[in-house]
C-alpha atoms as a PDB file:
ATOM      1  CA  UNK A   1     -85.754  49.352-128.132  1.00  0.00           C
ATOM      2  CA  UNK A   2     -84.341  51.452-130.958  1.00  0.00           C
ATOM      3  CA  UNK A   3     -83.813  54.427-128.668  1.00  0.00           C
ATOM      4  CA  UNK A   4     -81.845  52.259-126.242  1.00  0.00           C
ATOM      5  CA  UNK A   5     -79.441  51.292-129.054  1.00  0.00           C
ATOM      6  CA  UNK A   6     -79.197  54.880-130.298  1.00  0.00           C
ATOM      7  CA  UNK A   7     -78.372  56.127-126.814  1.00  0.00           C
ATOM      8  CA  UNK A   8     -75.404  53.795-126.550  1.00  0.00           C
ATOM      9  CA  UNK A   9     -74.281  54.681-130.070  1.00  0.00           C
ATOM     10  CA  UNK A  10     -74.149  58.359-129.084  1.00  0.00           C
ATOM     11  CA  UNK A  11     -72.490  57.535-125.763  1.00  0.00           C
ATOM     12  CA  UNK A  12     -69.703  55.610-127.491  1.00  0.00           C
ATOM     13  CA  UNK A  13     -69.078  58.471-129.924  1.00  0.00           C
ATOM     14  CA  UNK A  14     -68.896  60.928-127.021  1.00  0.00           C
ATOM     15  CA  UNK A  15     -66.465  58.644-125.188  1.00  0.00           C
ATOM     16  CA  UNK A  16     -64.349  58.565-128.357  1.00  0.00           C
ATOM     17  CA  UNK A  17     -64.166  62.366-128.329  1.00  0.00           C
ATOM     18  CA  UNK A  18     -63.082  62.424-124.680  1.00  0.00           C
ATOM     19  CA  UNK A  19     -60.456  59.715-125.268  1.00  0.00           C
ATOM     20  CA  UNK A  20     -59.161  61.804-128.185  1.00  0.00           C
ATOM     21  CA  UNK A  21     -58.963  64.876-125.956  1.00  0.00           C
ATOM     22  CA  UNK A  22     -57.063  62.810-123.391  1.00  0.00           C
ATOM     23  CA  UNK A  23     -54.548  61.738-126.050  1.00  0.00           C
ATOM     24  CA  UNK A  24     -53.897  65.250-127.399  1.00  0.00           C
ATOM     25  CA  UNK A  25     -51.219  66.489-124.980  1.00  0.00           C
ATOM     26  CA  UNK A  26     -48.972  63.417-125.256  1.00  0.00           C
ATOM     27  CA  UNK A  27     -47.038  61.654-127.951  1.00  0.00           C
ATOM     28  CA  UNK A  28     -50.291  60.452-129.509  1.00  0.00           C
ATOM     29  CA  UNK A  29     -51.501  63.894-130.557  1.00  0.00           C
ATOM     30  CA  UNK A  30     -52.220  62.818-134.139  1.00  0.00           C
ATOM     31  CA  UNK A  31     -54.173  59.762-132.954  1.00  0.00           C
ATOM     32  CA  UNK A  32     -56.175  61.934-130.565  1.00  0.00           C
ATOM     33  CA  UNK A  33     -56.989  64.496-133.229  1.00  0.00           C
ATOM     34  CA  UNK A  34     -57.948  61.762-135.692  1.00  0.00           C
ATOM     35  CA  UNK A  35     -60.239  60.103-133.151  1.00  0.00           C
ATOM     36  CA  UNK A  36     -61.930  63.400-132.281  1.00  0.00           C
ATOM     37  CA  UNK A  37     -62.505  64.289-135.922  1.00  0.00           C
ATOM     38  CA  UNK A  38     -63.775  60.813-136.810  1.00  0.00           C
ATOM     39  CA  UNK A  39     -66.318  60.951-133.999  1.00  0.00           C
ATOM     40  CA  UNK A  40     -67.354  64.524-134.885  1.00  0.00           C
ATOM     41  CA  UNK A  41     -67.795  63.696-138.568  1.00  0.00           C
ATOM     42  CA  UNK A  42     -69.835  60.615-137.580  1.00  0.00           C
ATOM     43  CA  UNK A  43     -72.096  62.673-135.307  1.00  0.00           C
ATOM     44  CA  UNK A  44     -72.533  65.361-137.953  1.00  0.00           C
ATOM     45  CA  UNK A  45     -73.302  62.776-140.645  1.00  0.00           C
ATOM     46  CA  UNK A  46     -75.903  61.223-138.327  1.00  0.00           C
ATOM     47  CA  UNK A  47     -77.551  64.631-137.952  1.00  0.00           C
ATOM     48  CA  UNK A  48     -77.755  64.941-141.743  1.00  0.00           C
ATOM     49  CA  UNK A  49     -79.355  61.489-141.939  1.00  0.00           C
ATOM     50  CA  UNK A  50     -81.832  62.555-139.260  1.00  0.00           C
ATOM     51  CA  UNK A  51     -82.678  65.695-141.236  1.00  0.00           C
ATOM     52  CA  UNK A  52     -83.209  63.696-144.444  1.00  0.00           C
ATOM     53  CA  UNK A  53     -85.241  60.948-142.791  1.00  0.00           C
ATOM     54  CA  UNK A  54     -87.293  63.142-140.436  1.00  0.00           C
ATOM     55  CA  UNK A  55     -87.229  66.804-141.519  1.00  0.00           C
ATOM     56  CA  UNK A  56     -89.741  67.680-138.804  1.00  0.00           C
ATOM     57  CA  UNK A  57     -87.151  66.965-136.101  1.00  0.00           C
ATOM     58  CA  UNK A  58     -85.134  70.100-136.813  1.00  0.00           C
ATOM     59  CA  UNK A  59     -84.465  70.721-133.123  1.00  0.00           C
ATOM     60  CA  UNK A  60     -82.901  67.254-132.811  1.00  0.00           C
ATOM     61  CA  UNK A  61     -80.821  67.884-135.926  1.00  0.00           C
ATOM     62  CA  UNK A  62     -79.337  71.016-134.352  1.00  0.00           C
ATOM     63  CA  UNK A  63     -78.793  69.359-130.977  1.00  0.00           C
ATOM     64  CA  UNK A  64     -77.009  66.421-132.590  1.00  0.00           C
ATOM     65  CA  UNK A  65     -75.070  68.260-135.279  1.00  0.00           C
ATOM     66  CA  UNK A  66     -74.163  71.747-134.090  1.00  0.00           C
ATOM     67  CA  UNK A  67     -71.314  70.962-131.664  1.00  0.00           C
ATOM     68  CA  UNK A  68     -69.590  68.491-134.011  1.00  0.00           C
ATOM     69  CA  UNK A  69     -69.919  71.013-136.845  1.00  0.00           C
ATOM     70  CA  UNK A  70     -68.279  73.717-134.701  1.00  0.00           C
ATOM     71  CA  UNK A  71     -65.393  71.340-133.914  1.00  0.00           C
ATOM     72  CA  UNK A  72     -64.962  70.464-137.597  1.00  0.00           C
ATOM     73  CA  UNK A  73     -64.996  74.119-138.696  1.00  0.00           C
ATOM     74  CA  UNK A  74     -62.549  75.075-135.918  1.00  0.00           C
ATOM     75  CA  UNK A  75     -60.221  72.320-137.067  1.00  0.00           C
ATOM     76  CA  UNK A  76     -60.360  73.589-140.639  1.00  0.00           C
ATOM     77  CA  UNK A  77     -59.810  77.283-139.876  1.00  0.00           C
ATOM     78  CA  UNK A  78     -58.022  77.444-136.496  1.00  0.00           C
ATOM     79  CA  UNK A  79     -54.763  75.659-137.098  1.00  0.00           C
END
């Protein structure tokens, strides 16, 4: 049952990213960017927790954390 909960957790974070992308071109650009970054930081933090709790699942750590990390780094250096 834990995986069922985790799947929805990840789905909701992904939906948050897409809602943020939808908000970017309008008057709510700051809200969209904030939502995207919050979701990306949450996903990246979850990948760190996965690495600490189950170091043998390195593939899962990269799958869960690489894309959010790229988005965070792009935000920091590509303004």
